[in-house]
Amino acid sequence: MSEKDLGLASVHTVSATVDQFDIPLDEDKDAPNREFNGTILHLNNTMDNAGADIPEVEFSNRGPVDVAAPANNNHGDCGVATVDINGDGNGLTRNRPFSASMISRRTTGSTTSRTSMNPSVYQSDTNIQHFFSHREGMFDKMMKDCISTAVKQELDGEVKGAWILVQIDHWDRENEKVFIVTETSLLIITYDFIKEKIMQTRRILLDLISTVQIGDIVYPPKSLMYARQHGGVRLSWGDDMEISFGQRWNPWCNTMPYITVAHHPIIYNAKEHDTIIYNVDDFFETVLDAIEKAHKRKNIAVPVKLVEQPLLIENYGSLYSMIYNQSWIGYNRDRNGVSF
């Protein structure tokens, strides 16, 4: 077989003595008088023909990849290219029109938050100490109470994870909640971190959840509210058209067919960025996996719908919710000697 058949234009041998190189030697040893023999391999004369056409690269069962192609998307000047990971043009893509993410800490080995966080928020070490949920041993005490009281082994099965996050209700109020994902259920627990007891438990069967939505939390275009500038996760198990007038305008209604969840404010402390119990990304990964498995066990024909788009909160200008959130009413905090 000739060199041409092998695709090799030429093979040159290069020799050089060790004296030509600056090699540190021991003082009591003579420099070795050996030669270094090597080769330079030229493939298809590419070394001599730098201007030659670059061959097209193809992957198995996929179309040709044009690495020089400019980003082409429908999201303005985001500068994000669409890559079809399935090769057939269907399914999810790596488009990121919004700053939320579906990248798992299980694949990256990192717990750093990927769901968008408000860049203007910072929680100092002193400020996070006002949260009773952040106090030493509190999470373990809360879990012990919840597992012994709220979790029903015969109904819920094995516990998959627990988080202290923020639920944003239909009146745009933030409330500190405990979320526990089990094999069959999602438990939303109102826990009093001051009295150290469970106040309320809501159980949602995972096989009933039909849609998981992730994206930035936004207000309507003509809203007077300040932009939230952070992302979240919404789980839905019903149709918005089924929400009654009484449900929508009742601020204490807890039967809405969806929930909206976001990071806990403690995650905005520099030391807590990687703490997964305050991170809604970790909750998203776990609950999505649990929902998919619950659907398979129930042989539900329609798979859970995963949607990546903004999470709309219909608040056009509520002074009530603004005061509620800025005063931290939905959190158990030490308020300079007064705790509630």
C-alpha atoms as a PDB file:
ATOM      1  CA  MET A   1       0.000   0.000   0.000  1.00  0.00           C
ATOM      2  CA  SER A   2       1.435   3.373  -1.015  1.00  0.00           C
ATOM      3  CA  GLU A   3       1.729   6.516   1.095  1.00  0.00           C
ATOM      4  CA  LYS A   4      -0.935   8.093  -1.073  1.00  0.00           C
ATOM      5  CA  ASP A   5      -3.388   5.315  -0.180  1.00  0.00           C
ATOM      6  CA  LEU A   6      -2.677   5.926   3.462  1.00  0.00           C
ATOM      7  CA  GLY A   7      -3.427   9.593   3.029  1.00  0.00           C
ATOM      8  CA  LEU A   8       0.125  10.577   4.010  1.00  0.00           C
ATOM      9  CA  ALA A   9       1.932  12.994   1.760  1.00  0.00           C
ATOM     10  CA  SER A  10       5.306  12.665   3.403  1.00  0.00           C
ATOM     11  CA  VAL A  11       7.083  11.616   6.570  1.00  0.00           C
ATOM     12  CA  HIS A  12      10.229  13.484   7.580  1.00  0.00           C
ATOM     13  CA  THR A  13      12.682  12.412  10.244  1.00  0.00           C
ATOM     14  CA  VAL A  14      14.138  15.053  12.483  1.00  0.00           C
ATOM     15  CA  SER A  15      17.245  14.568  14.606  1.00  0.00           C
ATOM     16  CA  ALA A  16      18.741  16.802  17.220  1.00  0.00           C
ATOM     17  CA  THR A  17      21.408  16.348  19.819  1.00  0.00           C
ATOM     18  CA  VAL A  18      20.704  16.908  23.488  1.00  0.00           C
ATOM     19  CA  ASP A  19      23.338  19.667  23.554  1.00  0.00           C
ATOM     20  CA  GLN A  20      20.921  21.847  21.584  1.00  0.00           C
ATOM     21  CA  PHE A  21      18.405  21.841  24.461  1.00  0.00           C
ATOM     22  CA  ASP A  22      18.674  23.485  27.860  1.00  0.00           C
ATOM     23  CA  ILE A  23      18.352  20.355  30.046  1.00  0.00           C
ATOM     24  CA  PRO A  24      19.310  20.594  33.755  1.00  0.00           C
ATOM     25  CA  LEU A  25      21.890  17.966  34.669  1.00  0.00           C
ATOM     26  CA  ASP A  26      23.196  16.658  37.960  1.00  0.00           C
ATOM     27  CA  GLU A  27      26.649  18.076  38.763  1.00  0.00           C
ATOM     28  CA  ASP A  28      28.223  14.640  39.343  1.00  0.00           C
ATOM     29  CA  LYS A  29      26.999  13.132  36.091  1.00  0.00           C
ATOM     30  CA  ASP A  30      28.159  13.627  32.544  1.00  0.00           C
ATOM     31  CA  ALA A  31      25.682  14.885  30.036  1.00  0.00           C
ATOM     32  CA  PRO A  32      24.315  11.959  28.042  1.00  0.00           C
ATOM     33  CA  ASN A  33      25.343  12.027  24.420  1.00  0.00           C
ATOM     34  CA  ARG A  34      22.100  10.625  23.079  1.00  0.00           C
ATOM     35  CA  GLU A  35      20.023  11.817  20.190  1.00  0.00           C
ATOM     36  CA  PHE A  36      16.351  12.648  20.115  1.00  0.00           C
ATOM     37  CA  ASN A  37      14.623  11.088  17.142  1.00  0.00           C
ATOM     38  CA  GLY A  38      11.153  12.210  16.142  1.00  0.00           C
ATOM     39  CA  THR A  39       8.922  12.560  13.157  1.00  0.00           C
ATOM     40  CA  ILE A  40       6.713  15.224  11.665  1.00  0.00           C
ATOM     41  CA  LEU A  41       3.526  13.785  10.192  1.00  0.00           C
ATOM     42  CA  HIS A  42       1.849  15.690   7.347  1.00  0.00           C
ATOM     43  CA  LEU A  43      -1.761  14.753   6.627  1.00  0.00           C
ATOM     44  CA  ASN A  44      -2.931  15.447   3.074  1.00  0.00           C
ATOM     45  CA  ASN A  45      -0.311  18.169   2.740  1.00  0.00           C
ATOM     46  CA  THR A  46      -2.299  20.361   5.162  1.00  0.00           C
ATOM     47  CA  MET A  47       0.949  21.776   6.528  1.00  0.00           C
ATOM     48  CA  ASP A  48       1.922  22.953   3.081  1.00  0.00           C
ATOM     49  CA  ASN A  49      -1.557  23.936   1.943  1.00  0.00           C
ATOM     50  CA  ALA A  50      -2.940  26.026   4.764  1.00  0.00           C
ATOM     51  CA  GLY A  51      -5.556  27.523   2.476  1.00  0.00           C
ATOM     52  CA  ALA A  52      -7.043  24.177   1.507  1.00  0.00           C
ATOM     53  CA  ASP A  53     -10.762  23.583   2.061  1.00  0.00           C
ATOM     54  CA  ILE A  54     -11.653  22.270   5.499  1.00  0.00           C
ATOM     55  CA  PRO A  55     -13.414  18.922   5.134  1.00  0.00           C
ATOM     56  CA  GLU A  56     -17.032  18.721   6.199  1.00  0.00           C
ATOM     57  CA  VAL A  57     -17.619  16.893   9.486  1.00  0.00           C
ATOM     58  CA  GLU A  58     -20.622  14.659   9.997  1.00  0.00           C
ATOM     59  CA  PHE A  59     -21.887  12.812  13.036  1.00  0.00           C
ATOM     60  CA  SER A  60     -23.704   9.508  12.988  1.00  0.00           C
ATOM     61  CA  ASN A  61     -27.431   9.872  12.257  1.00  0.00           C
ATOM     62  CA  ARG A  62     -27.143  13.636  12.219  1.00  0.00           C
ATOM     63  CA  GLY A  63     -26.792  16.258   9.575  1.00  0.00           C
ATOM     64  CA  PRO A  64     -23.573  18.087   8.786  1.00  0.00           C
ATOM     65  CA  VAL A  65     -22.351  20.481  11.461  1.00  0.00           C
ATOM     66  CA  ASP A  66     -21.361  23.915  10.244  1.00  0.00           C
ATOM     67  CA  VAL A  67     -19.212  25.272  13.052  1.00  0.00           C
ATOM     68  CA  ALA A  68     -18.912  28.648  11.325  1.00  0.00           C
ATOM     69  CA  ALA A  69     -22.651  29.212  10.949  1.00  0.00           C
ATOM     70  CA  PRO A  70     -23.925  32.362  12.696  1.00  0.00           C
ATOM     71  CA  ALA A  71     -26.576  32.158  15.389  1.00  0.00           C
ATOM     72  CA  ASN A  72     -30.050  32.285  13.903  1.00  0.00           C
ATOM     73  CA  ASN A  73     -32.950  32.499  16.267  1.00  0.00           C
ATOM     74  CA  ASN A  74     -36.194  34.258  16.829  1.00  0.00           C
ATOM     75  CA  HIS A  75     -35.265  35.988  20.048  1.00  0.00           C
ATOM     76  CA  GLY A  76     -33.830  39.258  18.883  1.00  0.00           C
ATOM     77  CA  ASP A  77     -30.160  39.865  19.500  1.00  0.00           C
ATOM     78  CA  CYS A  78     -29.738  37.211  22.127  1.00  0.00           C
ATOM     79  CA  GLY A  79     -26.800  35.750  20.213  1.00  0.00           C
ATOM     80  CA  VAL A  80     -27.854  32.214  21.080  1.00  0.00           C
ATOM     81  CA  ALA A  81     -27.589  29.523  18.440  1.00  0.00           C
ATOM     82  CA  THR A  82     -30.074  26.679  18.286  1.00  0.00           C
ATOM     83  CA  VAL A  83     -28.584  23.201  18.380  1.00  0.00           C
ATOM     84  CA  ASP A  84     -30.929  20.321  17.719  1.00  0.00           C
ATOM     85  CA  ILE A  85     -29.774  17.648  20.154  1.00  0.00           C
ATOM     86  CA  ASN A  86     -32.087  15.008  18.700  1.00  0.00           C
ATOM     87  CA  GLY A  87     -31.104  15.420  15.075  1.00  0.00           C
ATOM     88  CA  ASP A  88     -34.690  15.210  13.889  1.00  0.00           C
ATOM     89  CA  GLY A  89     -35.728  18.785  14.547  1.00  0.00           C
ATOM     90  CA  ASN A  90     -38.121  17.858  17.344  1.00  0.00           C
ATOM     91  CA  GLY A  91     -38.002  18.109  21.096  1.00  0.00           C
ATOM     92  CA  LEU A  92     -36.137  20.492  23.327  1.00  0.00           C
ATOM     93  CA  THR A  93     -33.191  22.523  22.098  1.00  0.00           C
ATOM     94  CA  ARG A  94     -30.405  24.378  23.826  1.00  0.00           C
ATOM     95  CA  ASN A  95     -32.090  27.693  23.060  1.00  0.00           C
ATOM     96  CA  ARG A  96     -31.961  30.012  26.034  1.00  0.00           C
ATOM     97  CA  PRO A  97     -34.228  32.992  25.280  1.00  0.00           C
ATOM     98  CA  PHE A  98     -34.640  33.372  29.029  1.00  0.00           C
ATOM     99  CA  SER A  99     -32.133  33.062  31.819  1.00  0.00           C
ATOM    100  CA  ALA A 100     -33.620  29.995  33.459  1.00  0.00           C
ATOM    101  CA  SER A 101     -31.973  26.655  32.917  1.00  0.00           C
ATOM    102  CA  MET A 102     -32.541  22.934  32.868  1.00  0.00           C
ATOM    103  CA  ILE A 103     -28.894  22.062  33.477  1.00  0.00           C
ATOM    104  CA  SER A 104     -28.705  19.539  36.274  1.00  0.00           C
ATOM    105  CA  ARG A 105     -26.236  19.653  39.111  1.00  0.00           C
ATOM    106  CA  ARG A 106     -26.093  15.874  38.684  1.00  0.00           C
ATOM    107  CA  THR A 107     -24.374  16.257  35.327  1.00  0.00           C
ATOM    108  CA  THR A 108     -22.241  19.285  36.072  1.00  0.00           C
ATOM    109  CA  GLY A 109     -21.146  18.280  39.547  1.00  0.00           C
ATOM    110  CA  SER A 110     -22.046  21.751  40.782  1.00  0.00           C
ATOM    111  CA  THR A 111     -24.830  23.100  42.944  1.00  0.00           C
ATOM    112  CA  THR A 112     -24.400  26.685  41.801  1.00  0.00           C
ATOM    113  CA  SER A 113     -27.729  28.198  40.832  1.00  0.00           C
ATOM    114  CA  ARG A 114     -28.570  28.407  37.133  1.00  0.00           C
ATOM    115  CA  THR A 115     -32.103  29.783  37.392  1.00  0.00           C
ATOM    116  CA  SER A 116     -31.863  33.538  37.057  1.00  0.00           C
ATOM    117  CA  MET A 117     -31.233  35.475  40.252  1.00  0.00           C
ATOM    118  CA  ASN A 118     -31.874  39.155  40.847  1.00  0.00           C
ATOM    119  CA  PRO A 119     -28.468  40.827  40.298  1.00  0.00           C
ATOM    120  CA  SER A 120     -29.390  43.778  42.535  1.00  0.00           C
ATOM    121  CA  VAL A 121     -30.107  41.672  45.639  1.00  0.00           C
ATOM    122  CA  TYR A 122     -27.509  40.854  48.268  1.00  0.00           C
ATOM    123  CA  GLN A 123     -28.083  39.333  51.692  1.00  0.00           C
ATOM    124  CA  SER A 124     -25.407  40.105  54.278  1.00  0.00           C
ATOM    125  CA  ASP A 125     -24.334  37.642  56.963  1.00  0.00           C
ATOM    126  CA  THR A 126     -26.136  39.766  59.548  1.00  0.00           C
ATOM    127  CA  ASN A 127     -29.373  39.880  57.566  1.00  0.00           C
ATOM    128  CA  ILE A 128     -29.667  36.134  56.989  1.00  0.00           C
ATOM    129  CA  GLN A 129     -29.302  35.551  60.734  1.00  0.00           C
ATOM    130  CA  HIS A 130     -32.752  37.128  61.099  1.00  0.00           C
ATOM    131  CA  PHE A 131     -34.262  34.120  59.276  1.00  0.00           C
ATOM    132  CA  PHE A 132     -35.178  31.431  61.804  1.00  0.00           C
ATOM    133  CA  SER A 133     -34.958  28.845  59.020  1.00  0.00           C
ATOM    134  CA  HIS A 134     -31.221  29.558  58.744  1.00  0.00           C
ATOM    135  CA  ARG A 135     -30.416  28.872  62.380  1.00  0.00           C
ATOM    136  CA  GLU A 136     -28.179  25.954  63.259  1.00  0.00           C
ATOM    137  CA  GLY A 137     -29.975  22.622  63.475  1.00  0.00           C
ATOM    138  CA  MET A 138     -33.299  24.095  62.332  1.00  0.00           C
ATOM    139  CA  PHE A 139     -33.455  22.203  59.022  1.00  0.00           C
ATOM    140  CA  ASP A 140     -32.844  18.845  60.736  1.00  0.00           C
ATOM    141  CA  LYS A 141     -35.467  19.607  63.383  1.00  0.00           C
ATOM    142  CA  MET A 142     -37.964  20.629  60.706  1.00  0.00           C
ATOM    143  CA  MET A 143     -37.331  17.457  58.683  1.00  0.00           C
ATOM    144  CA  LYS A 144     -37.806  15.277  61.753  1.00  0.00           C
ATOM    145  CA  ASP A 145     -41.163  16.929  62.460  1.00  0.00           C
ATOM    146  CA  CYS A 146     -42.327  16.733  58.840  1.00  0.00           C
ATOM    147  CA  ILE A 147     -41.372  13.097  58.304  1.00  0.00           C
ATOM    148  CA  SER A 148     -43.014  11.995  61.552  1.00  0.00           C
ATOM    149  CA  THR A 149     -46.180  14.051  61.047  1.00  0.00           C
ATOM    150  CA  ALA A 150     -46.792  15.089  57.426  1.00  0.00           C
ATOM    151  CA  VAL A 151     -45.226  12.270  55.378  1.00  0.00           C
ATOM    152  CA  LYS A 152     -47.392   9.146  55.163  1.00  0.00           C
ATOM    153  CA  GLN A 153     -45.169   6.223  54.219  1.00  0.00           C
ATOM    154  CA  GLU A 154     -47.984   4.078  52.809  1.00  0.00           C
ATOM    155  CA  LEU A 155     -49.259   6.946  50.631  1.00  0.00           C
ATOM    156  CA  ASP A 156     -46.175   8.996  49.776  1.00  0.00           C
ATOM    157  CA  GLY A 157     -43.408   6.390  49.670  1.00  0.00           C
ATOM    158  CA  GLU A 158     -39.722   7.264  49.946  1.00  0.00           C
ATOM    159  CA  VAL A 159     -38.653  10.879  50.454  1.00  0.00           C
ATOM    160  CA  LYS A 160     -36.583  12.118  47.494  1.00  0.00           C
ATOM    161  CA  GLY A 161     -35.646  15.589  48.713  1.00  0.00           C
ATOM    162  CA  ALA A 162     -36.603  18.596  50.821  1.00  0.00           C
ATOM    163  CA  TRP A 163     -36.142  22.353  50.347  1.00  0.00           C
ATOM    164  CA  ILE A 164     -36.977  25.660  52.011  1.00  0.00           C
ATOM    165  CA  LEU A 165     -38.129  27.870  49.152  1.00  0.00           C
ATOM    166  CA  VAL A 166     -40.494  30.739  48.403  1.00  0.00           C
ATOM    167  CA  GLN A 167     -43.994  30.245  47.050  1.00  0.00           C
ATOM    168  CA  ILE A 168     -45.430  33.223  45.157  1.00  0.00           C
ATOM    169  CA  ASP A 169     -49.206  33.067  45.263  1.00  0.00           C
ATOM    170  CA  HIS A 170     -51.795  34.420  42.817  1.00  0.00           C
ATOM    171  CA  TRP A 171     -51.819  37.723  44.713  1.00  0.00           C
ATOM    172  CA  ASP A 172     -48.071  38.094  44.231  1.00  0.00           C
ATOM    173  CA  ARG A 173     -47.270  37.465  47.903  1.00  0.00           C
ATOM    174  CA  GLU A 174     -44.075  35.675  48.893  1.00  0.00           C
ATOM    175  CA  ASN A 175     -44.353  32.993  51.570  1.00  0.00           C
ATOM    176  CA  GLU A 176     -41.630  30.797  53.032  1.00  0.00           C
ATOM    177  CA  LYS A 177     -42.585  27.140  52.511  1.00  0.00           C
ATOM    178  CA  VAL A 178     -41.103  23.683  52.969  1.00  0.00           C
ATOM    179  CA  PHE A 179     -41.276  21.486  49.860  1.00  0.00           C
ATOM    180  CA  ILE A 180     -40.861  17.726  50.194  1.00  0.00           C
ATOM    181  CA  VAL A 181     -40.803  15.490  47.120  1.00  0.00           C
ATOM    182  CA  THR A 182     -41.592  11.813  47.622  1.00  0.00           C
ATOM    183  CA  GLU A 183     -42.140   8.937  45.218  1.00  0.00           C
ATOM    184  CA  THR A 184     -45.805   9.776  44.678  1.00  0.00           C
ATOM    185  CA  SER A 185     -46.451  13.198  46.225  1.00  0.00           C
ATOM    186  CA  LEU A 186     -45.360  16.790  46.537  1.00  0.00           C
ATOM    187  CA  LEU A 187     -45.895  18.124  50.044  1.00  0.00           C
ATOM    188  CA  ILE A 188     -46.135  21.903  50.525  1.00  0.00           C
ATOM    189  CA  ILE A 189     -45.773  22.584  54.233  1.00  0.00           C
ATOM    190  CA  THR A 190     -46.253  25.814  56.138  1.00  0.00           C
ATOM    191  CA  TYR A 191     -43.792  25.389  58.992  1.00  0.00           C
ATOM    192  CA  ASP A 192     -43.465  27.799  61.900  1.00  0.00           C
ATOM    193  CA  PHE A 193     -39.707  27.997  62.433  1.00  0.00           C
ATOM    194  CA  ILE A 194     -40.254  30.059  65.595  1.00  0.00           C
ATOM    195  CA  LYS A 195     -42.617  27.655  67.369  1.00  0.00           C
ATOM    196  CA  GLU A 196     -41.029  24.701  65.539  1.00  0.00           C
ATOM    197  CA  LYS A 197     -44.258  23.072  64.448  1.00  0.00           C
ATOM    198  CA  ILE A 198     -46.256  22.359  61.301  1.00  0.00           C
ATOM    199  CA  MET A 199     -49.073  24.811  60.663  1.00  0.00           C
ATOM    200  CA  GLN A 200     -50.513  23.466  57.390  1.00  0.00           C
ATOM    201  CA  THR A 201     -49.833  20.682  54.881  1.00  0.00           C
ATOM    202  CA  ARG A 202     -50.953  20.467  51.271  1.00  0.00           C
ATOM    203  CA  ARG A 203     -50.438  17.234  49.325  1.00  0.00           C
ATOM    204  CA  ILE A 204     -50.350  17.143  45.504  1.00  0.00           C
ATOM    205  CA  LEU A 205     -50.149  13.759  43.777  1.00  0.00           C
ATOM    206  CA  LEU A 206     -47.352  13.823  41.214  1.00  0.00           C
ATOM    207  CA  ASP A 207     -49.307  11.883  38.573  1.00  0.00           C
ATOM    208  CA  LEU A 208     -51.854  14.732  38.479  1.00  0.00           C
ATOM    209  CA  ILE A 209     -49.248  17.364  37.517  1.00  0.00           C
ATOM    210  CA  SER A 210     -49.487  17.910  33.778  1.00  0.00           C
ATOM    211  CA  THR A 211     -47.148  20.862  33.136  1.00  0.00           C
ATOM    212  CA  VAL A 212     -43.774  21.957  34.476  1.00  0.00           C
ATOM    213  CA  GLN A 213     -42.854  25.489  33.444  1.00  0.00           C
ATOM    214  CA  ILE A 214     -39.526  27.226  34.021  1.00  0.00           C
ATOM    215  CA  GLY A 215     -38.569  30.795  33.191  1.00  0.00           C
ATOM    216  CA  ASP A 216     -38.310  34.369  34.388  1.00  0.00           C
ATOM    217  CA  ILE A 217     -41.125  35.718  36.562  1.00  0.00           C
ATOM    218  CA  VAL A 218     -42.753  38.671  34.800  1.00  0.00           C
ATOM    219  CA  TYR A 219     -45.667  41.080  35.141  1.00  0.00           C
ATOM    220  CA  PRO A 220     -48.082  42.192  32.381  1.00  0.00           C
ATOM    221  CA  PRO A 221     -46.739  44.880  30.011  1.00  0.00           C
ATOM    222  CA  LYS A 222     -48.787  47.693  31.573  1.00  0.00           C
ATOM    223  CA  SER A 223     -48.121  46.705  35.168  1.00  0.00           C
ATOM    224  CA  LEU A 224     -46.911  49.344  37.616  1.00  0.00           C
ATOM    225  CA  MET A 225     -44.928  46.788  39.635  1.00  0.00           C
ATOM    226  CA  TYR A 226     -41.148  46.774  39.658  1.00  0.00           C
ATOM    227  CA  ALA A 227     -39.634  43.965  37.572  1.00  0.00           C
ATOM    228  CA  ARG A 228     -38.661  40.979  39.674  1.00  0.00           C
ATOM    229  CA  GLN A 229     -35.567  40.140  37.591  1.00  0.00           C
ATOM    230  CA  HIS A 230     -35.397  36.526  38.721  1.00  0.00           C
ATOM    231  CA  GLY A 231     -36.684  33.164  37.596  1.00  0.00           C
ATOM    232  CA  GLY A 232     -38.758  30.379  39.054  1.00  0.00           C
ATOM    233  CA  VAL A 233     -40.649  27.141  38.467  1.00  0.00           C
ATOM    234  CA  ARG A 234     -44.397  26.638  38.039  1.00  0.00           C
ATOM    235  CA  LEU A 235     -46.210  23.310  38.417  1.00  0.00           C
ATOM    236  CA  SER A 236     -49.744  23.020  37.013  1.00  0.00           C
ATOM    237  CA  TRP A 237     -52.328  20.273  37.335  1.00  0.00           C
ATOM    238  CA  GLY A 238     -55.366  21.948  35.833  1.00  0.00           C
ATOM    239  CA  ASP A 239     -56.612  24.418  33.260  1.00  0.00           C
ATOM    240  CA  ASP A 240     -56.438  28.157  33.943  1.00  0.00           C
ATOM    241  CA  MET A 241     -59.894  28.430  32.380  1.00  0.00           C
ATOM    242  CA  GLU A 242     -61.251  26.388  35.298  1.00  0.00           C
ATOM    243  CA  ILE A 243     -60.225  29.019  37.881  1.00  0.00           C
ATOM    244  CA  SER A 244     -63.354  30.644  39.246  1.00  0.00           C
ATOM    245  CA  PHE A 245     -63.891  34.309  39.995  1.00  0.00           C
ATOM    246  CA  GLY A 246     -63.975  33.532  43.699  1.00  0.00           C
ATOM    247  CA  GLN A 247     -60.628  31.718  43.570  1.00  0.00           C
ATOM    248  CA  ARG A 248     -58.910  34.426  41.585  1.00  0.00           C
ATOM    249  CA  TRP A 249     -60.004  37.305  43.821  1.00  0.00           C
ATOM    250  CA  ASN A 250     -59.697  35.549  47.150  1.00  0.00           C
ATOM    251  CA  PRO A 251     -56.213  36.296  48.557  1.00  0.00           C
ATOM    252  CA  TRP A 252     -56.472  33.374  51.013  1.00  0.00           C
ATOM    253  CA  CYS A 253     -57.524  30.803  48.412  1.00  0.00           C
ATOM    254  CA  ASN A 254     -55.247  27.761  48.572  1.00  0.00           C
ATOM    255  CA  THR A 255     -56.976  25.662  45.920  1.00  0.00           C
ATOM    256  CA  MET A 256     -55.409  27.226  42.842  1.00  0.00           C
ATOM    257  CA  PRO A 257     -54.437  24.500  40.308  1.00  0.00           C
ATOM    258  CA  TYR A 258     -50.818  25.639  40.141  1.00  0.00           C
ATOM    259  CA  ILE A 259     -47.939  26.804  42.305  1.00  0.00           C
ATOM    260  CA  THR A 260     -45.060  29.173  41.550  1.00  0.00           C
ATOM    261  CA  VAL A 261     -41.775  28.590  43.361  1.00  0.00           C
ATOM    262  CA  ALA A 262     -38.567  30.653  43.506  1.00  0.00           C
ATOM    263  CA  HIS A 263     -35.210  30.729  45.317  1.00  0.00           C
ATOM    264  CA  HIS A 264     -35.181  31.489  49.020  1.00  0.00           C
ATOM    265  CA  PRO A 265     -33.617  34.932  49.744  1.00  0.00           C
ATOM    266  CA  ILE A 266     -30.881  33.263  51.816  1.00  0.00           C
ATOM    267  CA  ILE A 267     -29.290  32.047  48.581  1.00  0.00           C
ATOM    268  CA  TYR A 268     -28.320  35.653  47.846  1.00  0.00           C
ATOM    269  CA  ASN A 269     -25.728  35.475  50.597  1.00  0.00           C
ATOM    270  CA  ALA A 270     -22.257  34.794  49.184  1.00  0.00           C
ATOM    271  CA  LYS A 271     -21.729  31.838  51.534  1.00  0.00           C
ATOM    272  CA  GLU A 272     -25.062  30.234  50.613  1.00  0.00           C
ATOM    273  CA  HIS A 273     -24.913  30.343  46.808  1.00  0.00           C
ATOM    274  CA  ASP A 274     -24.248  26.593  46.657  1.00  0.00           C
ATOM    275  CA  THR A 275     -26.651  25.515  49.407  1.00  0.00           C
ATOM    276  CA  ILE A 276     -29.147  23.321  47.601  1.00  0.00           C
ATOM    277  CA  ILE A 277     -31.952  23.491  50.168  1.00  0.00           C
ATOM    278  CA  TYR A 278     -32.529  27.148  49.164  1.00  0.00           C
ATOM    279  CA  ASN A 279     -32.029  26.495  45.435  1.00  0.00           C
ATOM    280  CA  VAL A 280     -35.095  26.092  43.216  1.00  0.00           C
ATOM    281  CA  ASP A 281     -32.952  24.510  40.466  1.00  0.00           C
ATOM    282  CA  ASP A 282     -32.310  21.447  42.580  1.00  0.00           C
ATOM    283  CA  PHE A 283     -36.012  21.233  43.414  1.00  0.00           C
ATOM    284  CA  PHE A 284     -36.864  21.489  39.710  1.00  0.00           C
ATOM    285  CA  GLU A 285     -34.582  18.598  38.745  1.00  0.00           C
ATOM    286  CA  THR A 286     -35.863  16.314  41.480  1.00  0.00           C
ATOM    287  CA  VAL A 287     -39.565  17.022  41.085  1.00  0.00           C
ATOM    288  CA  LEU A 288     -39.430  16.688  37.284  1.00  0.00           C
ATOM    289  CA  ASP A 289     -37.783  13.277  37.574  1.00  0.00           C
ATOM    290  CA  ALA A 290     -40.325  12.173  40.206  1.00  0.00           C
ATOM    291  CA  ILE A 291     -43.273  13.355  38.069  1.00  0.00           C
ATOM    292  CA  GLU A 292     -42.049  11.448  35.018  1.00  0.00           C
ATOM    293  CA  LYS A 293     -41.654   8.250  37.055  1.00  0.00           C
ATOM    294  CA  ALA A 294     -45.103   8.704  38.619  1.00  0.00           C
ATOM    295  CA  HIS A 295     -46.661   9.045  35.153  1.00  0.00           C
ATOM    296  CA  LYS A 296     -44.974   5.829  34.029  1.00  0.00           C
ATOM    297  CA  ARG A 297     -46.206   3.915  37.083  1.00  0.00           C
ATOM    298  CA  LYS A 298     -49.765   5.065  36.376  1.00  0.00           C
ATOM    299  CA  ASN A 299     -49.401   4.339  32.633  1.00  0.00           C
ATOM    300  CA  ILE A 300     -50.534   7.852  31.760  1.00  0.00           C
ATOM    301  CA  ALA A 301     -50.546   8.166  27.976  1.00  0.00           C
ATOM    302  CA  VAL A 302     -49.879  11.911  27.862  1.00  0.00           C
ATOM    303  CA  PRO A 303     -46.394  12.714  29.192  1.00  0.00           C
ATOM    304  CA  VAL A 304     -45.735  15.668  31.433  1.00  0.00           C
ATOM    305  CA  LYS A 305     -45.324  18.862  29.401  1.00  0.00           C
ATOM    306  CA  LEU A 306     -42.063  20.749  29.970  1.00  0.00           C
ATOM    307  CA  VAL A 307     -42.314  24.414  28.973  1.00  0.00           C
ATOM    308  CA  GLU A 308     -39.612  27.057  29.030  1.00  0.00           C
ATOM    309  CA  GLN A 309     -41.161  30.510  28.973  1.00  0.00           C
ATOM    310  CA  PRO A 310     -41.839  33.481  31.304  1.00  0.00           C
ATOM    311  CA  LEU A 311     -44.053  32.885  34.342  1.00  0.00           C
ATOM    312  CA  LEU A 312     -46.760  35.545  34.263  1.00  0.00           C
ATOM    313  CA  ILE A 313     -48.112  36.984  37.518  1.00  0.00           C
ATOM    314  CA  GLU A 314     -51.210  39.102  36.888  1.00  0.00           C
ATOM    315  CA  ASN A 315     -50.406  42.010  39.168  1.00  0.00           C
ATOM    316  CA  TYR A 316     -50.980  45.411  37.597  1.00  0.00           C
ATOM    317  CA  GLY A 317     -50.290  47.482  40.689  1.00  0.00           C
ATOM    318  CA  SER A 318     -50.924  46.062  44.147  1.00  0.00           C
ATOM    319  CA  LEU A 319     -49.809  48.213  47.057  1.00  0.00           C
ATOM    320  CA  TYR A 320     -50.858  45.390  49.363  1.00  0.00           C
ATOM    321  CA  SER A 321     -48.466  42.802  47.876  1.00  0.00           C
ATOM    322  CA  MET A 322     -45.671  45.373  47.688  1.00  0.00           C
ATOM    323  CA  ILE A 323     -45.898  46.144  51.418  1.00  0.00           C
ATOM    324  CA  TYR A 324     -46.347  42.453  52.227  1.00  0.00           C
ATOM    325  CA  ASN A 325     -43.166  41.429  50.410  1.00  0.00           C
ATOM    326  CA  GLN A 326     -40.964  44.359  51.409  1.00  0.00           C
ATOM    327  CA  SER A 327     -41.891  43.838  55.061  1.00  0.00           C
ATOM    328  CA  TRP A 328     -40.980  40.124  54.890  1.00  0.00           C
ATOM    329  CA  ILE A 329     -44.375  39.212  56.350  1.00  0.00           C
ATOM    330  CA  GLY A 330     -44.325  35.801  54.685  1.00  0.00           C
ATOM    331  CA  TYR A 331     -41.107  34.763  56.475  1.00  0.00           C
ATOM    332  CA  ASN A 332     -40.317  33.754  60.054  1.00  0.00           C
ATOM    333  CA  ARG A 333     -37.857  36.450  61.094  1.00  0.00           C
ATOM    334  CA  ASP A 334     -36.430  38.101  64.141  1.00  0.00           C
ATOM    335  CA  ARG A 335     -37.612  41.707  63.773  1.00  0.00           C
ATOM    336  CA  ASN A 336     -35.403  43.405  66.348  1.00  0.00           C
ATOM    337  CA  GLY A 337     -36.845  41.546  69.294  1.00  0.00           C
ATOM    338  CA  VAL A 338     -40.301  40.929  67.812  1.00  0.00           C
ATOM    339  CA  SER A 339     -40.495  37.585  66.032  1.00  0.00           C
ATOM    340  CA  PHE A 340     -43.247  36.484  63.670  1.00  0.00           C
END
